[in-house]
Amino acid sequence: MTLAELKASAIKDAVPPKSLSLEARALWFIKKGEWEAAHDIAQDMETPMGSWLHALLHLIEGDLGNARYWFVEAGRPVQKLSQVDQLWDEIAKEIL
């Protein structure tokens, strides 16, 4: 699946494609605006990618302190709220 296909699916489909990895499924839910579903996935992922997704979620939520913590846990630079869309794309490119 491409970045564009993942975005399009989140916009038009009611459920994520079954073929998505756990990481891509979290991104799908983030793009869909289903914060809690995405958070549940990221919270259970004890990997740097899970931490990076967790950081993105808390950034979107506006919880900058918690986002900063998760960026550090992921070994990634801390981002600003204005960079959310760019960050989503960056994560998607890495996992797709």
N, C-alpha and C. Protein backbone atom coordinates (compact mmCIF):
# COMPACT_ATOMS: atom_id res chain seq x y z
N MET A 1 0.85 -1.17 0.00
CA MET A 1 0.00 0.00 0.00
C MET A 1 0.89 1.24 0.00
N THR A 2 0.50 2.23 -0.75
CA THR A 2 1.26 3.48 -0.82
C THR A 2 0.74 4.46 0.22
N LEU A 3 1.49 5.51 0.42
CA LEU A 3 1.09 6.59 1.32
C LEU A 3 -0.26 7.17 0.89
N ALA A 4 -0.41 7.45 -0.39
CA ALA A 4 -1.65 8.01 -0.91
C ALA A 4 -2.83 7.05 -0.71
N GLU A 5 -2.60 5.77 -0.91
CA GLU A 5 -3.66 4.77 -0.73
C GLU A 5 -4.08 4.67 0.73
N LEU A 6 -3.11 4.76 1.64
CA LEU A 6 -3.42 4.71 3.07
C LEU A 6 -4.27 5.91 3.47
N LYS A 7 -3.89 7.09 3.01
CA LYS A 7 -4.66 8.30 3.30
C LYS A 7 -6.07 8.19 2.72
N ALA A 8 -6.17 7.75 1.48
CA ALA A 8 -7.48 7.64 0.82
C ALA A 8 -8.37 6.64 1.55
N SER A 9 -7.80 5.55 1.99
CA SER A 9 -8.58 4.54 2.71
C SER A 9 -9.13 5.12 4.00
N ALA A 10 -8.30 5.87 4.72
CA ALA A 10 -8.76 6.45 5.99
C ALA A 10 -9.89 7.45 5.77
N ILE A 11 -9.88 8.09 4.64
CA ILE A 11 -10.92 9.08 4.34
C ILE A 11 -12.23 8.40 3.92
N LYS A 12 -12.13 7.35 3.10
CA LYS A 12 -13.36 6.79 2.52
C LYS A 12 -13.85 5.49 3.13
N ASP A 13 -12.97 4.71 3.72
CA ASP A 13 -13.36 3.39 4.22
C ASP A 13 -13.81 3.45 5.68
N ALA A 14 -14.75 2.58 6.04
CA ALA A 14 -15.26 2.53 7.41
C ALA A 14 -14.33 1.78 8.35
N VAL A 15 -13.57 0.84 7.79
CA VAL A 15 -12.63 0.06 8.59
C VAL A 15 -11.30 -0.03 7.84
N PRO A 16 -10.21 -0.20 8.59
CA PRO A 16 -8.91 -0.30 7.91
C PRO A 16 -8.78 -1.60 7.13
N PRO A 17 -8.01 -1.58 6.03
CA PRO A 17 -7.77 -2.81 5.29
C PRO A 17 -7.13 -3.87 6.18
N LYS A 18 -7.54 -5.10 6.02
CA LYS A 18 -7.01 -6.20 6.84
C LYS A 18 -5.53 -6.44 6.63
N SER A 19 -5.01 -6.04 5.49
CA SER A 19 -3.61 -6.31 5.16
C SER A 19 -2.63 -5.36 5.85
N LEU A 20 -3.12 -4.35 6.57
CA LEU A 20 -2.23 -3.37 7.18
C LEU A 20 -1.47 -3.96 8.36
N SER A 21 -0.23 -3.55 8.48
CA SER A 21 0.55 -3.89 9.67
C SER A 21 -0.04 -3.16 10.86
N LEU A 22 0.35 -3.53 12.05
CA LEU A 22 -0.13 -2.86 13.25
C LEU A 22 0.21 -1.37 13.22
N GLU A 23 1.43 -1.05 12.79
CA GLU A 23 1.86 0.35 12.71
C GLU A 23 1.01 1.14 11.71
N ALA A 24 0.77 0.55 10.55
CA ALA A 24 -0.03 1.21 9.52
C ALA A 24 -1.48 1.34 9.97
N ARG A 25 -1.95 0.38 10.70
CA ARG A 25 -3.32 0.43 11.23
C ARG A 25 -3.45 1.62 12.20
N ALA A 26 -2.44 1.82 13.04
CA ALA A 26 -2.46 2.97 13.96
C ALA A 26 -2.48 4.27 13.17
N LEU A 27 -1.66 4.36 12.14
CA LEU A 27 -1.66 5.57 11.30
C LEU A 27 -3.01 5.77 10.63
N TRP A 28 -3.62 4.70 10.16
CA TRP A 28 -4.94 4.77 9.53
C TRP A 28 -5.94 5.40 10.51
N PHE A 29 -5.94 4.90 11.75
CA PHE A 29 -6.86 5.43 12.75
C PHE A 29 -6.54 6.89 13.09
N ILE A 30 -5.26 7.25 13.10
CA ILE A 30 -4.89 8.64 13.35
C ILE A 30 -5.48 9.53 12.26
N LYS A 31 -5.28 9.15 11.01
CA LYS A 31 -5.80 9.94 9.88
C LYS A 31 -7.33 9.97 9.91
N LYS A 32 -7.94 8.91 10.35
CA LYS A 32 -9.41 8.81 10.43
C LYS A 32 -9.96 9.70 11.55
N GLY A 33 -9.07 10.09 12.48
CA GLY A 33 -9.52 10.89 13.61
C GLY A 33 -9.99 10.06 14.78
N GLU A 34 -9.66 8.79 14.75
CA GLU A 34 -10.05 7.88 15.83
C GLU A 34 -8.86 7.72 16.78
N TRP A 35 -8.69 8.77 17.58
CA TRP A 35 -7.53 8.89 18.47
C TRP A 35 -7.43 7.71 19.42
N GLU A 36 -8.52 7.34 20.05
CA GLU A 36 -8.48 6.29 21.06
C GLU A 36 -8.07 4.95 20.47
N ALA A 37 -8.59 4.60 19.32
CA ALA A 37 -8.22 3.33 18.67
C ALA A 37 -6.73 3.33 18.33
N ALA A 38 -6.24 4.44 17.82
CA ALA A 38 -4.81 4.55 17.48
C ALA A 38 -3.96 4.49 18.74
N HIS A 39 -4.42 5.15 19.79
CA HIS A 39 -3.67 5.17 21.05
C HIS A 39 -3.59 3.78 21.65
N ASP A 40 -4.68 3.03 21.59
CA ASP A 40 -4.67 1.66 22.11
C ASP A 40 -3.62 0.82 21.42
N ILE A 41 -3.48 0.98 20.12
CA ILE A 41 -2.46 0.22 19.36
C ILE A 41 -1.06 0.67 19.77
N ALA A 42 -0.82 1.98 19.72
CA ALA A 42 0.52 2.50 20.02
C ALA A 42 0.94 2.18 21.44
N GLN A 43 0.02 2.25 22.36
CA GLN A 43 0.32 2.01 23.77
C GLN A 43 0.79 0.58 24.00
N ASP A 44 0.31 -0.35 23.21
CA ASP A 44 0.68 -1.75 23.37
C ASP A 44 1.96 -2.13 22.61
N MET A 45 2.49 -1.21 21.81
CA MET A 45 3.70 -1.48 21.03
C MET A 45 4.93 -1.03 21.81
N GLU A 46 5.71 -1.95 22.27
CA GLU A 46 6.90 -1.62 23.05
C GLU A 46 8.13 -1.60 22.14
N THR A 47 8.06 -0.73 21.13
CA THR A 47 9.13 -0.57 20.15
C THR A 47 9.36 0.92 19.94
N PRO A 48 10.50 1.28 19.34
CA PRO A 48 10.70 2.69 19.01
C PRO A 48 9.60 3.24 18.10
N MET A 49 9.10 2.44 17.16
CA MET A 49 8.02 2.90 16.28
C MET A 49 6.75 3.14 17.08
N GLY A 50 6.46 2.27 18.02
CA GLY A 50 5.30 2.47 18.88
C GLY A 50 5.42 3.77 19.67
N SER A 51 6.62 4.06 20.14
CA SER A 51 6.86 5.31 20.86
C SER A 51 6.70 6.51 19.95
N TRP A 52 7.15 6.38 18.71
CA TRP A 52 7.03 7.48 17.74
C TRP A 52 5.56 7.76 17.42
N LEU A 53 4.79 6.70 17.23
CA LEU A 53 3.35 6.85 17.00
C LEU A 53 2.68 7.46 18.23
N HIS A 54 3.10 7.02 19.39
CA HIS A 54 2.56 7.54 20.64
C HIS A 54 2.87 9.05 20.74
N ALA A 55 4.06 9.45 20.35
CA ALA A 55 4.44 10.86 20.35
C ALA A 55 3.54 11.66 19.43
N LEU A 56 3.30 11.14 18.24
CA LEU A 56 2.42 11.81 17.28
C LEU A 56 1.02 12.00 17.86
N LEU A 57 0.50 10.97 18.49
CA LEU A 57 -0.83 11.05 19.07
C LEU A 57 -0.92 12.13 20.15
N HIS A 58 0.06 12.17 21.03
CA HIS A 58 0.03 13.17 22.10
C HIS A 58 0.28 14.57 21.57
N LEU A 59 1.02 14.67 20.49
CA LEU A 59 1.20 15.96 19.83
C LEU A 59 -0.14 16.45 19.28
N ILE A 60 -0.85 15.57 18.60
CA ILE A 60 -2.17 15.91 18.07
C ILE A 60 -3.11 16.32 19.20
N GLU A 61 -3.03 15.62 20.31
CA GLU A 61 -3.89 15.89 21.46
C GLU A 61 -3.55 17.24 22.11
N GLY A 62 -2.34 17.73 21.85
CA GLY A 62 -1.91 18.98 22.47
C GLY A 62 -1.22 18.78 23.79
N ASP A 63 -0.93 17.53 24.13
CA ASP A 63 -0.22 17.19 25.36
C ASP A 63 1.28 17.18 25.05
N LEU A 64 1.86 18.38 24.99
CA LEU A 64 3.23 18.53 24.51
C LEU A 64 4.27 17.89 25.42
N GLY A 65 4.04 17.92 26.72
CA GLY A 65 4.99 17.29 27.64
C GLY A 65 5.04 15.79 27.43
N ASN A 66 3.89 15.17 27.29
CA ASN A 66 3.82 13.74 27.05
C ASN A 66 4.37 13.40 25.67
N ALA A 67 4.06 14.24 24.69
CA ALA A 67 4.60 14.03 23.34
C ALA A 67 6.13 14.06 23.37
N ARG A 68 6.69 15.05 24.07
CA ARG A 68 8.15 15.17 24.18
C ARG A 68 8.75 13.89 24.76
N TYR A 69 8.14 13.37 25.81
CA TYR A 69 8.61 12.14 26.43
C TYR A 69 8.68 11.00 25.41
N TRP A 70 7.60 10.85 24.61
CA TRP A 70 7.55 9.75 23.66
C TRP A 70 8.50 9.96 22.48
N PHE A 71 8.72 11.21 22.09
CA PHE A 71 9.73 11.46 21.05
C PHE A 71 11.11 11.01 21.54
N VAL A 72 11.42 11.33 22.78
CA VAL A 72 12.72 10.92 23.35
C VAL A 72 12.80 9.40 23.41
N GLU A 73 11.72 8.76 23.87
CA GLU A 73 11.68 7.29 23.93
C GLU A 73 11.90 6.66 22.54
N ALA A 74 11.38 7.31 21.52
CA ALA A 74 11.51 6.81 20.15
C ALA A 74 12.87 7.12 19.54
N GLY A 75 13.64 7.99 20.20
CA GLY A 75 14.94 8.39 19.65
C GLY A 75 14.78 9.33 18.46
N ARG A 76 13.70 10.10 18.46
CA ARG A 76 13.38 11.00 17.35
C ARG A 76 13.37 12.44 17.84
N PRO A 77 13.61 13.39 16.94
CA PRO A 77 13.55 14.80 17.34
C PRO A 77 12.12 15.21 17.70
N VAL A 78 12.02 16.05 18.70
CA VAL A 78 10.72 16.57 19.12
C VAL A 78 10.17 17.47 18.03
N GLN A 79 8.89 17.31 17.73
CA GLN A 79 8.23 18.06 16.68
C GLN A 79 7.22 19.05 17.29
N LYS A 80 6.79 19.98 16.47
CA LYS A 80 5.80 20.97 16.88
C LYS A 80 4.43 20.56 16.33
N LEU A 81 3.39 21.11 16.94
CA LEU A 81 2.03 20.82 16.50
C LEU A 81 1.83 21.15 15.03
N SER A 82 2.49 22.19 14.56
CA SER A 82 2.35 22.59 13.16
C SER A 82 2.95 21.57 12.19
N GLN A 83 3.68 20.59 12.70
CA GLN A 83 4.35 19.59 11.86
C GLN A 83 3.62 18.24 11.85
N VAL A 84 2.40 18.19 12.38
CA VAL A 84 1.68 16.93 12.51
C VAL A 84 1.50 16.23 11.17
N ASP A 85 1.03 16.93 10.16
CA ASP A 85 0.79 16.29 8.86
C ASP A 85 2.08 15.78 8.24
N GLN A 86 3.12 16.58 8.33
CA GLN A 86 4.43 16.18 7.80
C GLN A 86 4.95 14.97 8.56
N LEU A 87 4.75 14.94 9.87
CA LEU A 87 5.21 13.82 10.69
C LEU A 87 4.44 12.55 10.35
N TRP A 88 3.13 12.67 10.14
CA TRP A 88 2.33 11.50 9.75
C TRP A 88 2.90 10.90 8.47
N ASP A 89 3.19 11.76 7.49
CA ASP A 89 3.76 11.30 6.22
C ASP A 89 5.12 10.64 6.43
N GLU A 90 5.95 11.23 7.27
CA GLU A 90 7.29 10.69 7.53
C GLU A 90 7.20 9.30 8.14
N ILE A 91 6.33 9.13 9.12
CA ILE A 91 6.15 7.83 9.74
C ILE A 91 5.61 6.82 8.72
N ALA A 92 4.62 7.24 7.94
CA ALA A 92 4.03 6.35 6.93
C ALA A 92 5.08 5.89 5.93
N LYS A 93 5.92 6.80 5.47
CA LYS A 93 6.97 6.42 4.50
C LYS A 93 7.90 5.38 5.09
N GLU A 94 8.15 5.46 6.37
CA GLU A 94 9.06 4.51 7.01
C GLU A 94 8.44 3.13 7.20
N ILE A 95 7.13 3.09 7.42
CA ILE A 95 6.53 1.77 7.70
C ILE A 95 5.89 1.10 6.49
N LEU A 96 5.61 1.86 5.44
CA LEU A 96 4.98 1.26 4.26
C LEU A 96 6.01 0.65 3.32
